[in-house]
Amino acid sequence: MSDRVEAPLAVQTGALRAVLWDMDGTLLESERLWDIGMHELSLHLGGPMSDETRISTIGGPMDLAVLRTFAGLGLEPTPDEAAAAAAWLTGYMGRLFADGLTWRPGAQAALRTVREAGLGSVLVTNTERALCEVALETLGREHFDHSVCGDEVPAGKPDPAPYRRAAELLGLDPAQCLAVEDSPTGAAAADAAGCTVLVVPSLVEVPGSERRVFRSTLEGLSAEDLHELHGAGVS
């Protein structure tokens, strides 16, 4: 049985036409790999990372995560130093991704459900294209019509640009899309874009809003659930 929707029912502005998927922490357990990578980056830059700094980087774009890592150490990098740190992190994460990625509970079946329901599907991630391509080998490119990466939009999440771009690629209004997210950063981006947001938290708690509906897991997610959850968001 699916979890009950935790947001009030509201008038739909349009039927559900597509599902937009976050990647790290939503489809893949890769957020835990990022936990390793971010702590190693901090040590590489000169000292251990505090829990507060790590939480501030969850779900965020690469450039912001790197800058917050420097800030957590009391450092102000030059642009070249920030770029070098980002390159180091990309290389480190590439090795972790290549060693193997595991699915979040129910995620693989949920992707198949969306395809079988005839809905559009787009991967929307702050992860940069180079790492996303590695992850797609596990996820399966056949599950997505498009993918939007953090280095392919003017601004990453929490900016709404990635989700607006995903809807645009499908020729849809964001209100016709259900975004699936696990972090406050990602939920804020999808919310601001005008999507209903299905939140399945992983590492950190996500606050509620009128556009957000919640499940504890993707396990058992049916096509009927998708339409019900989308209809529960407020436009």
Protein backbone atom coordinates (compact mmCIF):
# COMPACT_ATOMS: atom_id res chain seq x y z
CA MET A 1 0.00 0.00 0.00
CA SER A 2 1.22 3.50 -0.78
CA ASP A 3 1.68 6.18 1.86
CA ARG A 4 -1.14 8.65 2.18
CA VAL A 5 -0.76 12.07 0.57
CA GLU A 6 0.18 14.65 3.19
CA ALA A 7 -0.87 17.77 1.28
CA PRO A 8 -4.45 19.05 0.93
CA LEU A 9 -6.31 18.30 -2.25
CA ALA A 10 -6.54 21.21 -4.66
CA VAL A 11 -7.96 22.03 -8.03
CA GLN A 12 -5.77 20.72 -10.85
CA THR A 13 -4.49 23.19 -13.40
CA GLY A 14 -3.78 20.42 -15.89
CA ALA A 15 -3.49 16.70 -16.16
CA LEU A 16 -0.23 15.00 -15.32
CA ARG A 17 1.88 14.61 -18.43
CA ALA A 18 5.40 13.95 -17.16
CA VAL A 19 7.58 13.04 -14.20
CA LEU A 20 10.83 14.93 -13.63
CA TRP A 21 13.38 13.01 -11.59
CA ASP A 22 16.13 14.25 -9.33
CA MET A 23 19.06 11.82 -9.30
CA ASP A 24 21.30 11.91 -6.21
CA GLY A 25 19.40 10.70 -3.16
CA THR A 26 16.18 10.24 -5.15
CA LEU A 27 16.89 7.56 -7.75
CA LEU A 28 20.36 6.59 -6.56
CA GLU A 29 22.01 6.25 -3.15
CA SER A 30 24.75 8.48 -4.54
CA GLU A 31 24.13 11.22 -1.97
CA ARG A 32 26.07 9.02 0.43
CA LEU A 33 28.93 8.92 -2.06
CA TRP A 34 28.80 12.71 -2.23
CA ASP A 35 29.07 12.66 1.56
CA ILE A 36 32.40 10.85 1.19
CA GLY A 37 33.53 13.12 -1.63
CA MET A 38 32.70 16.36 0.14
CA HIS A 39 34.50 15.32 3.30
CA GLU A 40 37.53 14.27 1.26
CA LEU A 41 37.50 17.58 -0.59
CA SER A 42 37.55 19.44 2.70
CA LEU A 43 40.52 17.40 3.89
CA HIS A 44 42.23 18.02 0.54
CA LEU A 45 41.75 21.76 1.07
CA GLY A 46 43.14 21.71 4.57
CA GLY A 47 40.81 20.42 7.27
CA PRO A 48 37.77 18.36 8.25
CA MET A 49 34.26 19.33 7.19
CA SER A 50 31.70 20.18 9.85
CA ASP A 51 28.24 18.64 9.79
CA GLU A 52 26.80 22.12 9.28
CA THR A 53 28.89 22.71 6.17
CA ARG A 54 28.04 19.31 4.73
CA ILE A 55 24.31 19.86 5.21
CA SER A 56 24.60 23.22 3.44
CA THR A 57 25.98 21.48 0.32
CA ILE A 58 23.35 18.73 -0.02
CA GLY A 59 21.47 19.01 -3.30
CA GLY A 60 23.33 22.14 -4.35
CA PRO A 61 25.29 22.86 -7.54
CA MET A 62 28.97 21.97 -7.74
CA ASP A 63 30.28 25.56 -7.71
CA LEU A 64 28.27 26.49 -4.62
CA ALA A 65 29.25 23.27 -2.81
CA VAL A 66 32.92 24.00 -3.45
CA LEU A 67 32.63 27.59 -2.24
CA ARG A 68 30.83 26.50 0.92
CA THR A 69 33.56 23.96 1.56
CA PHE A 70 36.18 26.70 1.38
CA ALA A 71 34.04 28.95 3.59
CA GLY A 72 33.66 26.19 6.16
CA LEU A 73 37.42 26.18 6.49
CA GLY A 74 37.61 29.96 6.74
CA LEU A 75 39.16 30.25 3.28
CA GLU A 76 38.42 32.63 0.42
CA PRO A 77 39.54 30.99 -2.84
CA THR A 78 40.57 32.73 -6.00
CA PRO A 79 38.58 31.75 -9.11
CA ASP A 80 41.47 29.49 -10.17
CA GLU A 81 41.56 27.78 -6.77
CA ALA A 82 37.80 27.22 -6.84
CA ALA A 83 38.01 25.78 -10.36
CA ALA A 84 40.86 23.48 -9.33
CA ALA A 85 38.89 22.25 -6.32
CA ALA A 86 35.84 21.56 -8.51
CA ALA A 87 38.00 19.61 -10.94
CA TRP A 88 39.50 17.59 -8.07
CA LEU A 89 36.03 16.79 -6.74
CA THR A 90 34.73 15.80 -10.18
CA GLY A 91 37.65 13.41 -10.62
CA TYR A 92 37.18 11.91 -7.16
CA MET A 93 33.43 11.47 -7.61
CA GLY A 94 33.94 9.98 -11.05
CA ARG A 95 35.98 7.21 -9.45
CA LEU A 96 33.34 6.61 -6.78
CA PHE A 97 30.56 6.53 -9.38
CA ALA A 98 32.53 4.12 -11.57
CA ASP A 99 33.01 1.74 -8.64
CA GLY A 100 29.26 1.18 -8.54
CA LEU A 101 25.98 2.97 -7.87
CA THR A 102 23.04 1.51 -5.99
CA TRP A 103 19.35 2.26 -6.37
CA ARG A 104 17.13 3.98 -3.85
CA PRO A 105 14.30 1.66 -2.70
CA GLY A 106 11.60 1.36 -5.37
CA ALA A 107 13.29 3.75 -7.80
CA GLN A 108 13.95 1.31 -10.63
CA ALA A 109 10.37 0.02 -10.58
CA ALA A 110 9.05 3.61 -10.39
CA LEU A 111 10.91 4.52 -13.59
CA ARG A 112 9.32 1.57 -15.36
CA THR A 113 5.89 2.55 -14.04
CA VAL A 114 6.21 6.01 -15.55
CA ARG A 115 7.18 4.58 -18.93
CA GLU A 116 4.36 2.04 -18.86
CA ALA A 117 1.91 4.83 -18.02
CA GLY A 118 2.92 6.71 -21.18
CA LEU A 119 4.20 9.74 -19.29
CA GLY A 120 7.18 11.88 -20.23
CA SER A 121 10.32 11.44 -18.15
CA VAL A 122 13.30 13.76 -17.65
CA LEU A 123 16.32 13.43 -15.38
CA VAL A 124 16.96 16.80 -13.69
CA THR A 125 20.14 16.97 -11.65
CA ASN A 126 22.63 19.48 -10.29
CA THR A 127 25.32 16.92 -11.03
CA GLU A 128 27.45 17.91 -14.01
CA ARG A 129 27.16 16.15 -17.36
CA ALA A 130 30.41 14.20 -17.08
CA LEU A 131 29.26 12.47 -13.89
CA CYS A 132 25.66 12.18 -15.05
CA GLU A 133 26.83 10.18 -18.06
CA VAL A 134 28.45 7.67 -15.71
CA ALA A 135 25.27 7.45 -13.64
CA LEU A 136 23.11 6.92 -16.73
CA GLU A 137 24.91 3.64 -17.33
CA THR A 138 23.23 2.41 -14.13
CA LEU A 139 19.96 4.29 -14.49
CA GLY A 140 19.34 3.27 -18.10
CA ARG A 141 19.01 5.94 -20.75
CA GLU A 142 15.83 4.31 -22.03
CA HIS A 143 13.98 5.55 -18.96
CA PHE A 144 14.32 9.22 -19.95
CA ASP A 145 13.29 11.41 -22.85
CA HIS A 146 15.90 13.99 -21.86
CA SER A 147 18.37 14.83 -19.11
CA VAL A 148 19.20 18.29 -17.73
CA CYS A 149 22.48 18.71 -15.84
CA GLY A 150 23.77 21.42 -13.53
CA ASP A 151 26.34 22.72 -16.01
CA GLU A 152 23.76 23.06 -18.80
CA VAL A 153 21.50 25.74 -17.29
CA PRO A 154 22.12 29.38 -16.27
CA ALA A 155 21.75 28.46 -12.59
CA GLY A 156 21.38 25.19 -10.72
CA LYS A 157 18.91 24.23 -8.03
CA PRO A 158 17.52 25.92 -5.91
CA ASP A 159 17.02 28.13 -8.96
CA PRO A 160 13.99 26.93 -10.98
CA ALA A 161 15.94 26.97 -14.27
CA PRO A 162 16.64 23.19 -14.41
CA TYR A 163 12.98 22.28 -13.99
CA ARG A 164 11.78 24.96 -16.36
CA ARG A 165 14.22 23.63 -18.96
CA ALA A 166 12.99 20.06 -18.45
CA ALA A 167 9.37 21.06 -19.01
CA GLU A 168 10.38 23.13 -22.04
CA LEU A 169 12.16 20.14 -23.60
CA LEU A 170 8.91 18.19 -23.34
CA GLY A 171 6.79 21.07 -24.64
CA LEU A 172 4.87 21.19 -21.37
CA ASP A 173 3.96 23.68 -18.69
CA PRO A 174 5.68 22.88 -15.36
CA ALA A 175 2.20 22.60 -13.82
CA GLN A 176 1.70 19.46 -15.92
CA CYS A 177 4.75 17.84 -14.32
CA LEU A 178 5.41 15.98 -11.08
CA ALA A 179 8.96 16.52 -9.83
CA VAL A 180 10.46 13.90 -7.51
CA GLU A 181 13.00 15.24 -5.03
CA ASP A 182 14.76 14.35 -1.78
CA SER A 183 16.35 17.63 -0.61
CA PRO A 184 15.24 21.12 0.43
CA THR A 185 17.35 22.57 -2.40
CA GLY A 186 15.74 20.45 -5.09
CA ALA A 187 12.24 20.82 -3.71
CA ALA A 188 12.65 24.60 -3.71
CA ALA A 189 13.73 24.56 -7.36
CA ALA A 190 10.81 22.44 -8.53
CA ASP A 191 8.36 24.38 -6.37
CA ALA A 192 9.55 27.70 -7.79
CA ALA A 193 9.29 26.35 -11.34
CA GLY A 194 5.61 25.59 -10.81
CA CYS A 195 5.74 21.79 -10.52
CA THR A 196 3.97 19.68 -7.98
CA VAL A 197 6.80 18.19 -5.91
CA LEU A 198 6.80 14.64 -4.60
CA VAL A 199 9.29 14.65 -1.74
CA VAL A 200 10.92 11.38 -0.68
CA PRO A 201 13.49 12.53 1.89
CA SER A 202 16.86 10.80 2.19
CA LEU A 203 19.55 12.50 4.31
CA VAL A 204 17.80 15.65 5.52
CA GLU A 205 14.28 16.74 6.40
CA VAL A 206 12.41 18.75 3.75
CA PRO A 207 9.92 21.42 4.85
CA GLY A 208 6.38 21.35 3.52
CA SER A 209 4.64 23.77 1.19
CA GLU A 210 1.36 23.88 -0.69
CA ARG A 211 2.98 22.39 -3.80
CA ARG A 212 4.71 19.54 -1.95
CA VAL A 213 3.38 16.07 -1.24
CA PHE A 214 5.28 13.43 0.69
CA ARG A 215 5.99 9.70 0.65
CA SER A 216 8.48 7.82 2.76
CA THR A 217 9.57 5.66 -0.20
CA LEU A 218 9.14 5.11 -3.93
CA GLU A 219 8.33 1.47 -3.27
CA GLY A 220 4.90 0.45 -4.49
CA LEU A 221 4.40 3.67 -6.47
CA SER A 222 1.66 3.09 -9.07
CA ALA A 223 0.42 5.11 -12.04
CA GLU A 224 -2.72 5.87 -10.05
CA ASP A 225 -0.55 7.18 -7.20
CA LEU A 226 1.30 9.48 -9.60
CA HIS A 227 -1.91 11.10 -10.80
CA GLU A 228 -3.27 11.38 -7.26
CA LEU A 229 -0.06 12.96 -5.98
CA HIS A 230 0.06 15.41 -8.87
CA GLY A 231 -3.55 16.40 -8.23
CA ALA A 232 -2.71 17.13 -4.58
CA GLY A 233 -0.33 19.98 -5.45
CA VAL A 234 -1.59 23.54 -5.38
CA SER A 235 -0.88 25.62 -8.48
